[in-house]
Amino acid sequence: MAHTHRYEVECRWEGSTGVGYESYDRSHVARAIPAAASLELSSDPTFRGNPARTNPEQLLVLAASSCQLLSFLAIAARARFNVVRYEDRAEAVMPEDDKPIRITSIVLRPRIYLAKGPSEERVRALIEQAHRECYIANSVRTDIRVEPELHFVD
């Protein structure tokens, strides 16, 4: 019998939009239940947000990056590959002239460090499998590409 996973979050904002579009504060707080930690968020600075805070667009890219990382580590562990480090510097593009405005692509660029043993071809096959099994990549319409860089270490 299949299990349905549910995810709850809370977002909270206080202020006044009565001051007009140019002046109201976009800062808000979010929490993923049951985690105690909260995130201080705002809109993208282009949309008058606070550049010192994370914005929803960044969270989408972060979710894609984190999901790929977790999917790959799980698959690698089951294959008995010894991954010793995984770093990703992901990037998204949101062109304003392509309506409706949306993030049209996300590129994940993981640097993966593994102990010697598996072939590069086999590791790349597992990276692709992880991408196919990534819940976030399967949940959005945005094109998500993975461009890995592999390092085999002693």
N, C-alpha and C. Protein backbone atom coordinates (compact mmCIF):
# COMPACT_ATOMS: atom_id res chain seq x y z
N MET A 1 0.84 -1.18 0.00
CA MET A 1 0.00 0.00 0.00
C MET A 1 0.89 1.24 0.00
N ALA A 2 0.65 2.15 -0.92
CA ALA A 2 1.46 3.36 -1.04
C ALA A 2 1.15 4.32 0.10
N HIS A 3 2.19 4.98 0.54
CA HIS A 3 2.05 5.97 1.60
C HIS A 3 2.10 7.36 0.98
N THR A 4 1.27 8.26 1.45
CA THR A 4 1.28 9.64 0.98
C THR A 4 2.05 10.48 1.99
N HIS A 5 3.07 11.16 1.52
CA HIS A 5 3.86 12.04 2.37
C HIS A 5 3.23 13.43 2.34
N ARG A 6 3.19 14.08 3.48
CA ARG A 6 2.64 15.44 3.57
C ARG A 6 3.70 16.35 4.18
N TYR A 7 3.77 17.55 3.67
CA TYR A 7 4.75 18.52 4.14
C TYR A 7 4.01 19.79 4.50
N GLU A 8 4.27 20.30 5.69
CA GLU A 8 3.62 21.51 6.16
C GLU A 8 4.64 22.60 6.39
N VAL A 9 4.26 23.79 6.04
CA VAL A 9 5.09 24.96 6.32
C VAL A 9 4.20 26.07 6.86
N GLU A 10 4.83 27.01 7.51
CA GLU A 10 4.15 28.21 7.97
C GLU A 10 4.91 29.41 7.44
N CYS A 11 4.20 30.38 6.92
CA CYS A 11 4.79 31.67 6.54
C CYS A 11 4.05 32.75 7.31
N ARG A 12 4.81 33.71 7.83
CA ARG A 12 4.19 34.77 8.63
C ARG A 12 4.77 36.12 8.22
N TRP A 13 3.89 37.10 8.01
CA TRP A 13 4.28 38.46 7.66
C TRP A 13 3.42 39.42 8.45
N GLU A 14 4.00 40.52 8.87
CA GLU A 14 3.26 41.59 9.52
C GLU A 14 3.77 42.91 8.97
N GLY A 15 2.89 43.87 8.86
CA GLY A 15 3.27 45.18 8.37
C GLY A 15 2.06 45.89 7.84
N SER A 16 2.27 46.70 6.81
CA SER A 16 1.17 47.42 6.20
C SER A 16 1.47 47.65 4.73
N THR A 17 0.55 47.22 3.89
CA THR A 17 0.68 47.52 2.47
C THR A 17 0.03 48.87 2.16
N GLY A 18 -0.53 49.49 3.20
CA GLY A 18 -1.14 50.80 3.04
C GLY A 18 -0.14 51.88 2.64
N VAL A 19 1.14 51.61 2.82
CA VAL A 19 2.18 52.58 2.45
C VAL A 19 2.48 52.53 0.95
N GLY A 20 1.86 51.60 0.23
CA GLY A 20 2.04 51.51 -1.22
C GLY A 20 3.03 50.44 -1.62
N TYR A 21 3.00 50.08 -2.91
CA TYR A 21 3.84 49.02 -3.44
C TYR A 21 5.32 49.29 -3.24
N GLU A 22 5.75 50.51 -3.42
CA GLU A 22 7.17 50.84 -3.34
C GLU A 22 7.73 50.71 -1.93
N SER A 23 6.88 50.81 -0.92
CA SER A 23 7.40 50.97 0.44
C SER A 23 7.10 49.86 1.43
N TYR A 24 6.17 48.95 1.14
CA TYR A 24 5.88 47.95 2.17
C TYR A 24 7.03 46.95 2.30
N ASP A 25 7.21 46.43 3.50
CA ASP A 25 8.30 45.51 3.81
C ASP A 25 7.96 44.10 3.32
N ARG A 26 8.85 43.51 2.54
CA ARG A 26 8.64 42.17 2.01
C ARG A 26 9.18 41.08 2.93
N SER A 27 9.81 41.45 4.01
CA SER A 27 10.42 40.48 4.92
C SER A 27 9.34 39.66 5.62
N HIS A 28 9.60 38.35 5.71
CA HIS A 28 8.68 37.46 6.39
C HIS A 28 9.46 36.27 6.95
N VAL A 29 8.78 35.46 7.74
CA VAL A 29 9.42 34.32 8.41
C VAL A 29 8.69 33.05 7.99
N ALA A 30 9.46 32.00 7.72
CA ALA A 30 8.88 30.71 7.34
C ALA A 30 9.47 29.62 8.21
N ARG A 31 8.68 28.59 8.41
CA ARG A 31 9.11 27.44 9.21
C ARG A 31 8.54 26.19 8.58
N ALA A 32 9.36 25.15 8.49
CA ALA A 32 8.92 23.85 8.01
C ALA A 32 8.62 22.99 9.23
N ILE A 33 7.36 22.69 9.43
CA ILE A 33 6.90 21.95 10.60
C ILE A 33 7.35 20.49 10.47
N PRO A 34 7.91 19.86 11.47
CA PRO A 34 8.01 20.22 12.86
C PRO A 34 9.35 20.88 13.25
N ALA A 35 10.18 21.23 12.28
CA ALA A 35 11.48 21.82 12.60
C ALA A 35 11.29 23.10 13.42
N ALA A 36 12.14 23.28 14.39
CA ALA A 36 12.05 24.47 15.24
C ALA A 36 12.68 25.69 14.57
N ALA A 37 13.67 25.45 13.73
CA ALA A 37 14.36 26.57 13.08
C ALA A 37 13.44 27.25 12.07
N SER A 38 13.59 28.55 11.96
CA SER A 38 12.82 29.28 10.98
C SER A 38 13.77 29.99 10.03
N LEU A 39 13.24 30.37 8.88
CA LEU A 39 14.01 31.08 7.87
C LEU A 39 13.47 32.50 7.77
N GLU A 40 14.39 33.44 7.70
CA GLU A 40 13.99 34.82 7.48
C GLU A 40 14.10 35.08 5.98
N LEU A 41 12.97 35.37 5.35
CA LEU A 41 12.90 35.48 3.90
C LEU A 41 12.47 36.89 3.47
N SER A 42 12.65 37.14 2.20
CA SER A 42 12.17 38.37 1.58
C SER A 42 11.99 38.08 0.10
N SER A 43 11.58 39.07 -0.65
CA SER A 43 11.52 38.89 -2.10
C SER A 43 12.89 39.21 -2.69
N ASP A 44 13.07 38.84 -3.95
CA ASP A 44 14.29 39.16 -4.68
C ASP A 44 14.50 40.68 -4.63
N PRO A 45 15.73 41.14 -4.47
CA PRO A 45 15.97 42.59 -4.44
C PRO A 45 15.41 43.33 -5.66
N THR A 46 15.34 42.66 -6.81
CA THR A 46 14.76 43.28 -8.00
C THR A 46 13.31 43.67 -7.76
N PHE A 47 12.64 42.92 -6.87
CA PHE A 47 11.24 43.17 -6.56
C PHE A 47 11.10 43.84 -5.19
N ARG A 48 12.10 44.67 -4.87
CA ARG A 48 12.13 45.50 -3.66
C ARG A 48 12.30 44.71 -2.38
N GLY A 49 12.94 43.55 -2.46
CA GLY A 49 13.18 42.73 -1.29
C GLY A 49 14.49 43.07 -0.59
N ASN A 50 14.68 42.47 0.55
CA ASN A 50 15.87 42.67 1.36
C ASN A 50 16.96 41.72 0.87
N PRO A 51 18.07 42.24 0.31
CA PRO A 51 19.11 41.37 -0.23
C PRO A 51 19.85 40.55 0.82
N ALA A 52 19.68 40.89 2.09
CA ALA A 52 20.32 40.13 3.16
C ALA A 52 19.54 38.87 3.52
N ARG A 53 18.35 38.70 2.94
CA ARG A 53 17.52 37.53 3.23
C ARG A 53 17.38 36.65 2.00
N THR A 54 17.15 35.38 2.24
CA THR A 54 16.91 34.42 1.17
C THR A 54 15.54 34.69 0.56
N ASN A 55 15.40 34.44 -0.74
CA ASN A 55 14.10 34.65 -1.39
C ASN A 55 13.55 33.31 -1.92
N PRO A 56 12.27 33.26 -2.27
CA PRO A 56 11.66 32.01 -2.71
C PRO A 56 12.33 31.39 -3.93
N GLU A 57 12.81 32.23 -4.84
CA GLU A 57 13.47 31.70 -6.03
C GLU A 57 14.74 30.94 -5.65
N GLN A 58 15.48 31.50 -4.71
CA GLN A 58 16.68 30.81 -4.22
C GLN A 58 16.32 29.50 -3.53
N LEU A 59 15.21 29.49 -2.81
CA LEU A 59 14.79 28.27 -2.12
C LEU A 59 14.46 27.16 -3.12
N LEU A 60 13.87 27.52 -4.26
CA LEU A 60 13.58 26.52 -5.28
C LEU A 60 14.87 25.89 -5.80
N VAL A 61 15.86 26.73 -6.09
CA VAL A 61 17.15 26.22 -6.57
C VAL A 61 17.82 25.38 -5.49
N LEU A 62 17.75 25.85 -4.26
CA LEU A 62 18.33 25.11 -3.14
C LEU A 62 17.65 23.75 -2.97
N ALA A 63 16.34 23.71 -3.12
CA ALA A 63 15.62 22.44 -3.01
C ALA A 63 16.06 21.46 -4.09
N ALA A 64 16.23 21.95 -5.31
CA ALA A 64 16.68 21.08 -6.41
C ALA A 64 18.09 20.55 -6.14
N SER A 65 18.96 21.42 -5.66
CA SER A 65 20.34 21.03 -5.37
C SER A 65 20.40 20.02 -4.23
N SER A 66 19.68 20.29 -3.17
CA SER A 66 19.67 19.40 -2.01
C SER A 66 19.07 18.04 -2.35
N CYS A 67 18.01 18.03 -3.14
CA CYS A 67 17.37 16.77 -3.51
C CYS A 67 18.30 15.91 -4.36
N GLN A 68 19.00 16.54 -5.31
CA GLN A 68 19.96 15.79 -6.13
C GLN A 68 21.05 15.21 -5.25
N LEU A 69 21.58 16.01 -4.33
CA LEU A 69 22.62 15.54 -3.41
C LEU A 69 22.12 14.32 -2.62
N LEU A 70 20.96 14.45 -2.01
CA LEU A 70 20.44 13.36 -1.18
C LEU A 70 20.12 12.12 -2.01
N SER A 71 19.58 12.30 -3.21
CA SER A 71 19.28 11.16 -4.09
C SER A 71 20.56 10.44 -4.49
N PHE A 72 21.57 11.21 -4.88
CA PHE A 72 22.83 10.59 -5.29
C PHE A 72 23.50 9.87 -4.12
N LEU A 73 23.56 10.49 -2.95
CA LEU A 73 24.20 9.84 -1.81
C LEU A 73 23.51 8.53 -1.46
N ALA A 74 22.19 8.50 -1.53
CA ALA A 74 21.46 7.26 -1.22
C ALA A 74 21.79 6.17 -2.22
N ILE A 75 21.79 6.52 -3.49
CA ILE A 75 22.09 5.53 -4.54
C ILE A 75 23.54 5.07 -4.43
N ALA A 76 24.46 6.01 -4.20
CA ALA A 76 25.87 5.66 -4.07
C ALA A 76 26.10 4.75 -2.86
N ALA A 77 25.44 5.04 -1.76
CA ALA A 77 25.60 4.21 -0.56
C ALA A 77 25.08 2.80 -0.81
N ARG A 78 23.95 2.68 -1.50
CA ARG A 78 23.42 1.34 -1.81
C ARG A 78 24.34 0.59 -2.76
N ALA A 79 25.05 1.33 -3.62
CA ALA A 79 26.00 0.70 -4.56
C ALA A 79 27.36 0.45 -3.90
N ARG A 80 27.50 0.84 -2.63
CA ARG A 80 28.74 0.68 -1.86
C ARG A 80 29.88 1.54 -2.41
N PHE A 81 29.53 2.67 -3.01
CA PHE A 81 30.55 3.64 -3.44
C PHE A 81 30.87 4.52 -2.25
N ASN A 82 32.13 4.85 -2.07
CA ASN A 82 32.53 5.69 -0.96
C ASN A 82 32.64 7.14 -1.44
N VAL A 83 31.57 7.90 -1.29
CA VAL A 83 31.58 9.33 -1.60
C VAL A 83 32.09 10.04 -0.35
N VAL A 84 33.12 10.85 -0.51
CA VAL A 84 33.71 11.51 0.65
C VAL A 84 33.40 13.01 0.71
N ARG A 85 32.95 13.57 -0.41
CA ARG A 85 32.57 14.99 -0.40
C ARG A 85 31.70 15.27 -1.62
N TYR A 86 30.74 16.16 -1.44
CA TYR A 86 29.84 16.55 -2.52
C TYR A 86 29.56 18.04 -2.34
N GLU A 87 29.90 18.83 -3.32
CA GLU A 87 29.67 20.27 -3.28
C GLU A 87 28.92 20.65 -4.54
N ASP A 88 27.96 21.52 -4.43
CA ASP A 88 27.23 21.95 -5.62
C ASP A 88 27.13 23.47 -5.62
N ARG A 89 27.32 24.05 -6.76
CA ARG A 89 27.09 25.48 -6.96
C ARG A 89 26.08 25.57 -8.10
N ALA A 90 24.82 25.64 -7.74
CA ALA A 90 23.72 25.61 -8.70
C ALA A 90 23.33 27.03 -9.12
N GLU A 91 22.68 27.10 -10.26
CA GLU A 91 22.28 28.40 -10.80
C GLU A 91 20.95 28.25 -11.51
N ALA A 92 20.12 29.28 -11.40
CA ALA A 92 18.83 29.30 -12.08
C ALA A 92 18.71 30.55 -12.93
N VAL A 93 17.86 30.47 -13.95
CA VAL A 93 17.62 31.59 -14.84
C VAL A 93 16.12 31.89 -14.84
N MET A 94 15.79 33.18 -14.70
CA MET A 94 14.40 33.62 -14.73
C MET A 94 14.28 34.85 -15.63
N PRO A 95 14.11 34.63 -16.94
CA PRO A 95 14.00 35.77 -17.86
C PRO A 95 12.66 36.48 -17.71
N GLU A 96 12.69 37.79 -17.62
CA GLU A 96 11.46 38.56 -17.46
C GLU A 96 10.69 38.73 -18.76
N ASP A 97 11.34 38.49 -19.91
CA ASP A 97 10.66 38.68 -21.19
C ASP A 97 9.97 37.42 -21.69
N ASP A 98 10.04 36.34 -20.94
CA ASP A 98 9.39 35.08 -21.30
C ASP A 98 8.21 34.90 -20.35
N LYS A 99 7.01 35.25 -20.82
CA LYS A 99 5.82 35.24 -19.97
C LYS A 99 5.16 33.86 -19.97
N PRO A 100 4.56 33.40 -18.89
CA PRO A 100 4.60 34.04 -17.59
C PRO A 100 6.01 33.95 -16.99
N ILE A 101 6.37 34.96 -16.22
CA ILE A 101 7.71 34.98 -15.63
C ILE A 101 7.85 33.78 -14.70
N ARG A 102 8.93 33.03 -14.91
CA ARG A 102 9.17 31.82 -14.13
C ARG A 102 10.65 31.45 -14.26
N ILE A 103 11.10 30.60 -13.38
CA ILE A 103 12.44 30.05 -13.51
C ILE A 103 12.37 29.03 -14.64
N THR A 104 13.13 29.28 -15.71
CA THR A 104 13.05 28.42 -16.89
C THR A 104 14.08 27.31 -16.89
N SER A 105 15.18 27.50 -16.14
CA SER A 105 16.17 26.42 -16.08
C SER A 105 16.98 26.51 -14.80
N ILE A 106 17.39 25.35 -14.35
CA ILE A 106 18.27 25.23 -13.20
C ILE A 106 19.41 24.32 -13.63
N VAL A 107 20.63 24.75 -13.36
CA VAL A 107 21.80 23.92 -13.66
C VAL A 107 22.48 23.60 -12.34
N LEU A 108 22.61 22.31 -12.08
CA LEU A 108 23.32 21.83 -10.90
C LEU A 108 24.73 21.46 -11.35
N ARG A 109 25.72 21.92 -10.61
CA ARG A 109 27.12 21.63 -10.97
C ARG A 109 27.85 20.99 -9.78
N PRO A 110 27.45 19.77 -9.46
CA PRO A 110 28.10 19.13 -8.30
C PRO A 110 29.54 18.74 -8.59
N ARG A 111 30.38 18.94 -7.58
CA ARG A 111 31.74 18.39 -7.57
C ARG A 111 31.68 17.24 -6.59
N ILE A 112 31.91 16.06 -7.12
CA ILE A 112 31.75 14.85 -6.30
C ILE A 112 33.11 14.20 -6.13
N TYR A 113 33.48 13.95 -4.89
CA TYR A 113 34.75 13.32 -4.56
C TYR A 113 34.47 11.92 -4.05
N LEU A 114 35.08 10.93 -4.69
CA LEU A 114 34.87 9.53 -4.34
C LEU A 114 36.19 8.82 -4.14
N ALA A 115 36.15 7.81 -3.29
CA ALA A 115 37.32 6.93 -3.16
C ALA A 115 37.43 6.13 -4.46
N LYS A 116 38.64 5.80 -4.83
CA LYS A 116 38.87 5.03 -6.06
C LYS A 116 38.16 3.69 -5.98
N GLY A 117 37.73 3.22 -7.12
CA GLY A 117 37.05 1.93 -7.18
C GLY A 117 36.10 1.89 -8.35
N PRO A 118 34.98 2.63 -8.28
CA PRO A 118 34.03 2.56 -9.39
C PRO A 118 34.55 3.32 -10.61
N SER A 119 34.08 2.93 -11.78
CA SER A 119 34.48 3.62 -13.01
C SER A 119 33.71 4.94 -13.11
N GLU A 120 34.29 5.87 -13.85
CA GLU A 120 33.62 7.15 -14.07
C GLU A 120 32.28 6.94 -14.77
N GLU A 121 32.24 6.02 -15.71
CA GLU A 121 31.00 5.72 -16.43
C GLU A 121 29.90 5.26 -15.47
N ARG A 122 30.26 4.39 -14.54
CA ARG A 122 29.28 3.88 -13.56
C ARG A 122 28.79 4.99 -12.64
N VAL A 123 29.70 5.86 -12.20
CA VAL A 123 29.30 6.97 -11.33
C VAL A 123 28.35 7.90 -12.07
N ARG A 124 28.68 8.22 -13.32
CA ARG A 124 27.81 9.09 -14.11
C ARG A 124 26.42 8.47 -14.31
N ALA A 125 26.37 7.17 -14.47
CA ALA A 125 25.08 6.48 -14.60
C ALA A 125 24.27 6.63 -13.31
N LEU A 126 24.94 6.56 -12.16
CA LEU A 126 24.23 6.73 -10.88
C LEU A 126 23.78 8.18 -10.68
N ILE A 127 24.56 9.13 -11.18
CA ILE A 127 24.16 10.54 -11.10
C ILE A 127 22.87 10.74 -11.90
N GLU A 128 22.81 10.15 -13.09
CA GLU A 128 21.59 10.24 -13.92
C GLU A 128 20.42 9.56 -13.23
N GLN A 129 20.66 8.41 -12.63
CA GLN A 129 19.59 7.71 -11.90
C GLN A 129 19.09 8.58 -10.76
N ALA A 130 20.00 9.21 -10.04
CA ALA A 130 19.60 10.09 -8.94
C ALA A 130 18.75 11.24 -9.46
N HIS A 131 19.12 11.78 -10.60
CA HIS A 131 18.34 12.87 -11.18
C HIS A 131 16.93 12.40 -11.55
N ARG A 132 16.82 11.23 -12.13
CA ARG A 132 15.51 10.68 -12.49
C ARG A 132 14.65 10.41 -11.26
N GLU A 133 15.30 10.10 -10.12
CA GLU A 133 14.57 9.77 -8.90
C GLU A 133 14.39 10.96 -7.95
N CYS A 134 14.94 12.11 -8.31
CA CYS A 134 14.86 13.29 -7.44
C CYS A 134 13.42 13.80 -7.38
N TYR A 135 12.87 13.88 -6.18
CA TYR A 135 11.48 14.28 -6.00
C TYR A 135 11.24 15.70 -6.48
N ILE A 136 12.17 16.59 -6.23
CA ILE A 136 11.98 17.98 -6.63
C ILE A 136 12.03 18.10 -8.16
N ALA A 137 13.02 17.48 -8.79
CA ALA A 137 13.11 17.53 -10.25
C ALA A 137 11.85 16.96 -10.89
N ASN A 138 11.26 15.96 -10.26
CA ASN A 138 10.04 15.35 -10.80
C ASN A 138 8.80 16.18 -10.49
N SER A 139 8.93 17.20 -9.66
CA SER A 139 7.77 17.98 -9.22
C SER A 139 7.62 19.32 -9.92
N VAL A 140 8.61 19.74 -10.67
CA VAL A 140 8.55 21.06 -11.30
C VAL A 140 8.65 20.93 -12.82
N ARG A 141 8.13 21.95 -13.52
CA ARG A 141 8.21 21.97 -14.99
C ARG A 141 9.54 22.50 -15.48
N THR A 142 10.28 23.15 -14.62
CA THR A 142 11.55 23.76 -14.99
C THR A 142 12.55 22.70 -15.44
N ASP A 143 13.29 23.01 -16.49
CA ASP A 143 14.36 22.13 -16.96
C ASP A 143 15.49 22.15 -15.93
N ILE A 144 15.83 20.99 -15.41
CA ILE A 144 16.94 20.88 -14.45
C ILE A 144 17.99 19.98 -15.06
N ARG A 145 19.20 20.53 -15.22
CA ARG A 145 20.32 19.77 -15.78
C ARG A 145 21.36 19.56 -14.70
N VAL A 146 22.04 18.43 -14.78
CA VAL A 146 23.13 18.11 -13.86
C VAL A 146 24.41 18.02 -14.67
N GLU A 147 25.38 18.85 -14.31
CA GLU A 147 26.68 18.87 -14.99
C GLU A 147 27.76 18.54 -13.95
N PRO A 148 27.97 17.26 -13.67
CA PRO A 148 28.89 16.88 -12.59
C PRO A 148 30.36 16.99 -12.98
N GLU A 149 31.16 17.17 -11.96
CA GLU A 149 32.62 17.11 -12.07
C GLU A 149 33.05 16.05 -11.06
N LEU A 150 33.72 15.02 -11.53
CA LEU A 150 34.09 13.91 -10.65
C LEU A 150 35.57 13.98 -10.29
N HIS A 151 35.85 13.62 -9.05
CA HIS A 151 37.23 13.55 -8.55
C HIS A 151 37.38 12.24 -7.80
N PHE A 152 38.33 11.42 -8.19
CA PHE A 152 38.62 10.19 -7.47
C PHE A 152 39.84 10.42 -6.60
N VAL A 153 39.72 10.12 -5.32
CA VAL A 153 40.78 10.40 -4.36
C VAL A 153 41.28 9.12 -3.73
N ASP A 154 42.50 9.15 -3.20
CA ASP A 154 43.06 7.99 -2.51
C ASP A 154 42.50 7.86 -1.12
